[in-house]
Amino acid sequence: MLAGEPGGKSAAITLLATGSEVPLAMQARAALAADGIVARVVSMPSCSDFDRQSAEYRAQVLPRNIPVLAIEAGVSNFWRAYTGFGGDVLGIDRFGESAPAAQVAEALGLTAQAVVARARALVAAR
């Protein structure tokens, strides 16, 4: 699923997420839009299915001319294959926290505000 580029305006960044991180990406997309930054949201529920697609399709979904920011509540290093050198991963690489999910995410910095801040930095660096 792709979302972004409303009104034909070119996207400045792609937000890549799966599962529970997709709503976070959509919240960040709305906040970025309020600042005039167009973000595409890519939901990738199956990396293996994505990897089996043609190179042309993969390039359409994750164009390399704009940065990719992956959002991951688990191990983040895996996503570097999709973000490339010009992108980044916002993730949680530790385990053992115990609290309601929203409280843990907030405490570990996995919030829409954190996504927006990281996305702005990536866009500004281009």
N, C-alpha and C. Protein backbone atom coordinates (compact mmCIF):
# COMPACT_ATOMS: atom_id res chain seq x y z
N MET A 1 0.84 -1.17 0.00
CA MET A 1 0.00 0.00 0.00
C MET A 1 0.89 1.24 0.00
N LEU A 2 0.58 2.20 -0.84
CA LEU A 2 1.31 3.46 -0.88
C LEU A 2 0.36 4.60 -0.55
N ALA A 3 0.85 5.57 0.17
CA ALA A 3 0.12 6.80 0.42
C ALA A 3 1.10 7.94 0.32
N GLY A 4 0.71 8.99 -0.30
CA GLY A 4 1.59 10.15 -0.42
C GLY A 4 1.42 10.84 -1.74
N GLU A 5 2.18 11.84 -1.98
CA GLU A 5 2.20 12.60 -3.20
C GLU A 5 0.83 13.14 -3.59
N PRO A 6 0.13 13.78 -2.62
CA PRO A 6 -1.18 14.36 -2.97
C PRO A 6 -1.02 15.52 -3.93
N GLY A 7 -1.99 15.67 -4.79
CA GLY A 7 -1.98 16.79 -5.72
C GLY A 7 -0.82 16.77 -6.69
N GLY A 8 -0.20 15.62 -6.88
CA GLY A 8 0.90 15.52 -7.82
C GLY A 8 2.21 16.07 -7.30
N LYS A 9 2.25 16.55 -6.09
CA LYS A 9 3.48 17.09 -5.52
C LYS A 9 4.43 15.94 -5.20
N SER A 10 5.68 16.09 -5.54
CA SER A 10 6.67 15.03 -5.32
C SER A 10 6.95 14.84 -3.84
N ALA A 11 7.10 13.59 -3.46
CA ALA A 11 7.42 13.26 -2.08
C ALA A 11 8.87 13.61 -1.78
N ALA A 12 9.11 14.02 -0.54
CA ALA A 12 10.46 14.34 -0.08
C ALA A 12 11.07 13.19 0.69
N ILE A 13 10.23 12.25 1.16
CA ILE A 13 10.71 11.13 1.97
C ILE A 13 9.71 9.99 1.90
N THR A 14 10.21 8.78 2.08
CA THR A 14 9.36 7.59 2.21
C THR A 14 9.46 7.09 3.64
N LEU A 15 8.31 6.87 4.27
CA LEU A 15 8.25 6.27 5.59
C LEU A 15 7.86 4.82 5.40
N LEU A 16 8.72 3.92 5.83
CA LEU A 16 8.55 2.47 5.64
C LEU A 16 8.18 1.83 6.98
N ALA A 17 7.09 1.09 6.98
CA ALA A 17 6.63 0.50 8.23
C ALA A 17 5.91 -0.82 7.97
N THR A 18 5.75 -1.59 9.04
CA THR A 18 4.96 -2.81 8.97
C THR A 18 4.08 -2.88 10.21
N GLY A 19 2.99 -3.55 10.11
CA GLY A 19 2.15 -3.83 11.27
C GLY A 19 1.82 -2.61 12.11
N SER A 20 2.12 -2.70 13.40
CA SER A 20 1.72 -1.66 14.35
C SER A 20 2.41 -0.33 14.11
N GLU A 21 3.46 -0.30 13.31
CA GLU A 21 4.16 0.95 13.04
C GLU A 21 3.49 1.79 11.94
N VAL A 22 2.59 1.18 11.16
CA VAL A 22 1.94 1.90 10.06
C VAL A 22 1.12 3.10 10.57
N PRO A 23 0.29 2.95 11.61
CA PRO A 23 -0.42 4.13 12.10
C PRO A 23 0.52 5.25 12.56
N LEU A 24 1.65 4.88 13.13
CA LEU A 24 2.66 5.86 13.54
C LEU A 24 3.19 6.61 12.31
N ALA A 25 3.45 5.88 11.24
CA ALA A 25 3.91 6.50 10.00
C ALA A 25 2.84 7.44 9.43
N MET A 26 1.59 7.03 9.51
CA MET A 26 0.50 7.88 8.99
C MET A 26 0.35 9.15 9.83
N GLN A 27 0.52 9.05 11.14
CA GLN A 27 0.49 10.24 12.00
C GLN A 27 1.63 11.19 11.64
N ALA A 28 2.81 10.62 11.44
CA ALA A 28 3.97 11.44 11.08
C ALA A 28 3.76 12.09 9.72
N ARG A 29 3.19 11.33 8.79
CA ARG A 29 2.90 11.87 7.45
C ARG A 29 2.00 13.10 7.55
N ALA A 30 0.96 13.03 8.38
CA ALA A 30 0.05 14.17 8.54
C ALA A 30 0.77 15.36 9.15
N ALA A 31 1.62 15.12 10.14
CA ALA A 31 2.37 16.22 10.77
C ALA A 31 3.35 16.83 9.79
N LEU A 32 4.02 16.02 9.00
CA LEU A 32 4.95 16.54 7.99
C LEU A 32 4.20 17.35 6.93
N ALA A 33 3.03 16.88 6.53
CA ALA A 33 2.22 17.60 5.53
C ALA A 33 1.85 19.00 6.03
N ALA A 34 1.57 19.11 7.32
CA ALA A 34 1.25 20.42 7.90
C ALA A 34 2.42 21.39 7.76
N ASP A 35 3.64 20.84 7.65
CA ASP A 35 4.84 21.66 7.46
C ASP A 35 5.22 21.79 5.99
N GLY A 36 4.39 21.25 5.10
CA GLY A 36 4.67 21.33 3.67
C GLY A 36 5.61 20.25 3.15
N ILE A 37 5.89 19.23 3.95
CA ILE A 37 6.76 18.13 3.54
C ILE A 37 5.88 16.94 3.16
N VAL A 38 5.97 16.53 1.91
CA VAL A 38 5.19 15.39 1.44
C VAL A 38 5.95 14.10 1.73
N ALA A 39 5.28 13.20 2.44
CA ALA A 39 5.87 11.90 2.77
C ALA A 39 5.02 10.80 2.17
N ARG A 40 5.69 9.80 1.62
CA ARG A 40 5.02 8.59 1.16
C ARG A 40 5.07 7.60 2.31
N VAL A 41 4.01 6.83 2.48
CA VAL A 41 4.01 5.76 3.47
C VAL A 41 3.93 4.44 2.73
N VAL A 42 4.87 3.57 3.02
CA VAL A 42 4.89 2.24 2.43
C VAL A 42 4.71 1.23 3.55
N SER A 43 3.66 0.42 3.43
CA SER A 43 3.45 -0.67 4.36
C SER A 43 4.04 -1.92 3.72
N MET A 44 4.99 -2.54 4.41
CA MET A 44 5.65 -3.73 3.88
C MET A 44 5.42 -4.91 4.84
N PRO A 45 4.27 -5.55 4.72
CA PRO A 45 3.99 -6.65 5.63
C PRO A 45 4.82 -7.91 5.36
N SER A 46 5.36 -8.02 4.15
CA SER A 46 6.17 -9.20 3.83
C SER A 46 7.38 -8.79 3.01
N CYS A 47 8.52 -8.74 3.65
CA CYS A 47 9.75 -8.38 2.95
C CYS A 47 10.10 -9.43 1.90
N SER A 48 9.86 -10.68 2.20
CA SER A 48 10.20 -11.73 1.22
C SER A 48 9.35 -11.60 -0.03
N ASP A 49 8.06 -11.25 0.10
CA ASP A 49 7.23 -11.02 -1.08
C ASP A 49 7.75 -9.80 -1.86
N PHE A 50 8.11 -8.74 -1.15
CA PHE A 50 8.64 -7.55 -1.80
C PHE A 50 9.93 -7.87 -2.56
N ASP A 51 10.80 -8.64 -1.93
CA ASP A 51 12.08 -8.98 -2.55
C ASP A 51 11.92 -9.82 -3.81
N ARG A 52 10.82 -10.54 -3.93
CA ARG A 52 10.57 -11.36 -5.13
C ARG A 52 10.02 -10.56 -6.30
N GLN A 53 9.67 -9.31 -6.07
CA GLN A 53 9.13 -8.47 -7.14
C GLN A 53 10.25 -8.02 -8.08
N SER A 54 9.85 -7.52 -9.22
CA SER A 54 10.83 -7.05 -10.20
C SER A 54 11.58 -5.83 -9.67
N ALA A 55 12.75 -5.61 -10.21
CA ALA A 55 13.55 -4.44 -9.82
C ALA A 55 12.79 -3.15 -10.12
N GLU A 56 12.05 -3.13 -11.20
CA GLU A 56 11.28 -1.93 -11.56
C GLU A 56 10.21 -1.64 -10.51
N TYR A 57 9.52 -2.69 -10.08
CA TYR A 57 8.49 -2.50 -9.06
C TYR A 57 9.11 -2.02 -7.75
N ARG A 58 10.19 -2.66 -7.33
CA ARG A 58 10.84 -2.27 -6.08
C ARG A 58 11.31 -0.81 -6.14
N ALA A 59 11.79 -0.39 -7.30
CA ALA A 59 12.25 1.00 -7.47
C ALA A 59 11.07 1.98 -7.43
N GLN A 60 9.90 1.55 -7.88
CA GLN A 60 8.71 2.41 -7.80
C GLN A 60 8.26 2.57 -6.35
N VAL A 61 8.30 1.49 -5.60
CA VAL A 61 7.84 1.52 -4.22
C VAL A 61 8.84 2.25 -3.32
N LEU A 62 10.12 1.98 -3.51
CA LEU A 62 11.17 2.62 -2.72
C LEU A 62 12.15 3.33 -3.64
N PRO A 63 11.73 4.46 -4.23
CA PRO A 63 12.63 5.18 -5.13
C PRO A 63 13.86 5.67 -4.38
N ARG A 64 15.02 5.50 -4.99
CA ARG A 64 16.29 5.86 -4.32
C ARG A 64 16.64 7.33 -4.44
N ASN A 65 15.79 8.12 -5.11
CA ASN A 65 16.09 9.54 -5.21
C ASN A 65 15.56 10.34 -4.02
N ILE A 66 14.85 9.66 -3.10
CA ILE A 66 14.41 10.30 -1.87
C ILE A 66 14.78 9.38 -0.70
N PRO A 67 15.03 9.96 0.47
CA PRO A 67 15.43 9.12 1.60
C PRO A 67 14.28 8.23 2.09
N VAL A 68 14.65 7.11 2.67
CA VAL A 68 13.71 6.17 3.26
C VAL A 68 13.97 6.12 4.76
N LEU A 69 12.92 6.30 5.55
CA LEU A 69 13.01 6.17 6.99
C LEU A 69 12.15 4.98 7.40
N ALA A 70 12.77 3.92 7.87
CA ALA A 70 12.05 2.75 8.35
C ALA A 70 11.72 2.95 9.83
N ILE A 71 10.54 2.49 10.22
CA ILE A 71 10.08 2.59 11.60
C ILE A 71 9.87 1.17 12.09
N GLU A 72 10.57 0.81 13.16
CA GLU A 72 10.57 -0.59 13.60
C GLU A 72 10.57 -0.68 15.12
N ALA A 73 9.57 -1.37 15.68
CA ALA A 73 9.49 -1.55 17.12
C ALA A 73 10.36 -2.72 17.59
N GLY A 74 10.95 -3.42 16.66
CA GLY A 74 11.83 -4.54 17.00
C GLY A 74 13.24 -4.26 16.54
N VAL A 75 13.93 -5.25 16.11
CA VAL A 75 15.32 -5.13 15.68
C VAL A 75 15.40 -4.27 14.42
N SER A 76 16.15 -3.20 14.48
CA SER A 76 16.15 -2.23 13.39
C SER A 76 17.18 -2.49 12.30
N ASN A 77 18.25 -3.18 12.60
CA ASN A 77 19.33 -3.34 11.62
C ASN A 77 18.87 -4.01 10.33
N PHE A 78 17.90 -4.90 10.42
CA PHE A 78 17.35 -5.59 9.26
C PHE A 78 16.91 -4.62 8.17
N TRP A 79 16.36 -3.48 8.56
CA TRP A 79 15.76 -2.53 7.61
C TRP A 79 16.78 -1.72 6.83
N ARG A 80 18.04 -1.79 7.20
CA ARG A 80 19.08 -1.03 6.46
C ARG A 80 19.14 -1.46 5.00
N ALA A 81 18.77 -2.68 4.69
CA ALA A 81 18.76 -3.15 3.30
C ALA A 81 17.76 -2.36 2.47
N TYR A 82 16.76 -1.78 3.10
CA TYR A 82 15.72 -1.05 2.38
C TYR A 82 15.89 0.46 2.47
N THR A 83 16.65 0.94 3.43
CA THR A 83 16.82 2.38 3.58
C THR A 83 18.00 2.92 2.78
N GLY A 84 18.96 2.08 2.46
CA GLY A 84 20.14 2.53 1.75
C GLY A 84 21.00 3.45 2.58
N PHE A 85 22.02 4.00 1.96
CA PHE A 85 22.96 4.86 2.67
C PHE A 85 22.37 6.22 3.01
N GLY A 86 21.40 6.68 2.23
CA GLY A 86 20.82 8.00 2.47
C GLY A 86 19.63 7.99 3.39
N GLY A 87 19.27 6.82 3.91
CA GLY A 87 18.11 6.71 4.78
C GLY A 87 18.50 6.41 6.21
N ASP A 88 17.50 6.02 6.99
CA ASP A 88 17.76 5.76 8.39
C ASP A 88 16.67 4.82 8.92
N VAL A 89 16.88 4.34 10.15
CA VAL A 89 15.91 3.48 10.82
C VAL A 89 15.66 4.05 12.21
N LEU A 90 14.41 4.23 12.55
CA LEU A 90 14.03 4.61 13.90
C LEU A 90 13.46 3.35 14.52
N GLY A 91 14.18 2.79 15.48
CA GLY A 91 13.74 1.53 16.05
C GLY A 91 14.14 1.36 17.49
N ILE A 92 13.68 0.26 18.02
CA ILE A 92 13.99 -0.12 19.39
C ILE A 92 14.80 -1.40 19.32
N ASP A 93 16.03 -1.35 19.78
CA ASP A 93 16.92 -2.51 19.70
C ASP A 93 17.22 -3.09 21.07
N ARG A 94 16.24 -3.06 21.93
CA ARG A 94 16.42 -3.66 23.24
C ARG A 94 15.12 -4.31 23.67
N PHE A 95 15.22 -5.19 24.62
CA PHE A 95 14.07 -5.96 25.06
C PHE A 95 13.95 -5.90 26.57
N GLY A 96 12.82 -6.33 27.09
CA GLY A 96 12.66 -6.47 28.52
C GLY A 96 11.83 -5.39 29.17
N GLU A 97 11.30 -4.45 28.41
CA GLU A 97 10.46 -3.41 29.00
C GLU A 97 9.08 -3.98 29.26
N SER A 98 8.45 -3.54 30.33
CA SER A 98 7.14 -4.05 30.68
C SER A 98 6.24 -2.89 31.08
N ALA A 99 5.23 -2.66 30.25
CA ALA A 99 4.22 -1.63 30.48
C ALA A 99 3.27 -1.69 29.30
N PRO A 100 2.19 -0.96 29.35
CA PRO A 100 1.34 -0.89 28.16
C PRO A 100 2.16 -0.39 26.96
N ALA A 101 1.84 -0.89 25.78
CA ALA A 101 2.64 -0.62 24.58
C ALA A 101 2.88 0.87 24.34
N ALA A 102 1.86 1.69 24.50
CA ALA A 102 2.01 3.13 24.26
C ALA A 102 3.02 3.75 25.22
N GLN A 103 3.01 3.31 26.47
CA GLN A 103 3.97 3.84 27.45
C GLN A 103 5.39 3.41 27.13
N VAL A 104 5.57 2.18 26.71
CA VAL A 104 6.90 1.70 26.35
C VAL A 104 7.41 2.46 25.12
N ALA A 105 6.56 2.61 24.12
CA ALA A 105 6.96 3.34 22.90
C ALA A 105 7.37 4.76 23.24
N GLU A 106 6.59 5.42 24.07
CA GLU A 106 6.90 6.80 24.48
C GLU A 106 8.23 6.85 25.22
N ALA A 107 8.42 5.95 26.16
CA ALA A 107 9.64 5.93 26.96
C ALA A 107 10.88 5.64 26.12
N LEU A 108 10.70 4.85 25.05
CA LEU A 108 11.84 4.49 24.20
C LEU A 108 11.96 5.36 22.94
N GLY A 109 11.11 6.36 22.84
CA GLY A 109 11.24 7.31 21.73
C GLY A 109 10.65 6.87 20.41
N LEU A 110 9.73 5.94 20.43
CA LEU A 110 9.08 5.49 19.19
C LEU A 110 7.72 6.17 19.11
N THR A 111 7.76 7.45 18.74
CA THR A 111 6.56 8.29 18.69
C THR A 111 6.47 8.99 17.34
N ALA A 112 5.29 9.51 17.05
CA ALA A 112 5.12 10.27 15.81
C ALA A 112 6.06 11.47 15.79
N GLN A 113 6.23 12.11 16.93
CA GLN A 113 7.12 13.27 17.01
C GLN A 113 8.56 12.88 16.68
N ALA A 114 8.98 11.72 17.15
CA ALA A 114 10.34 11.25 16.85
C ALA A 114 10.49 10.92 15.37
N VAL A 115 9.47 10.34 14.77
CA VAL A 115 9.49 10.05 13.33
C VAL A 115 9.58 11.34 12.55
N VAL A 116 8.78 12.32 12.93
CA VAL A 116 8.79 13.62 12.24
C VAL A 116 10.16 14.27 12.35
N ALA A 117 10.75 14.27 13.53
CA ALA A 117 12.06 14.89 13.72
C ALA A 117 13.12 14.20 12.86
N ARG A 118 13.12 12.88 12.85
CA ARG A 118 14.10 12.14 12.04
C ARG A 118 13.85 12.36 10.56
N ALA A 119 12.59 12.39 10.14
CA ALA A 119 12.26 12.63 8.73
C ALA A 119 12.71 14.03 8.30
N ARG A 120 12.44 15.01 9.12
CA ARG A 120 12.87 16.39 8.79
C ARG A 120 14.40 16.45 8.63
N ALA A 121 15.11 15.79 9.51
CA ALA A 121 16.57 15.80 9.43
C ALA A 121 17.06 15.14 8.13
N LEU A 122 16.43 14.04 7.74
CA LEU A 122 16.82 13.37 6.49
C LEU A 122 16.52 14.24 5.27
N VAL A 123 15.37 14.89 5.29
CA VAL A 123 15.00 15.77 4.16
C VAL A 123 15.96 16.96 4.09
N ALA A 124 16.28 17.53 5.23
CA ALA A 124 17.18 18.69 5.28
C ALA A 124 18.59 18.33 4.82
N ALA A 125 19.01 17.09 5.05
CA ALA A 125 20.36 16.66 4.68
C ALA A 125 20.50 16.45 3.18
N ARG A 126 19.43 16.40 2.45
CA ARG A 126 19.48 16.15 1.00
C ARG A 126 19.82 17.37 0.23
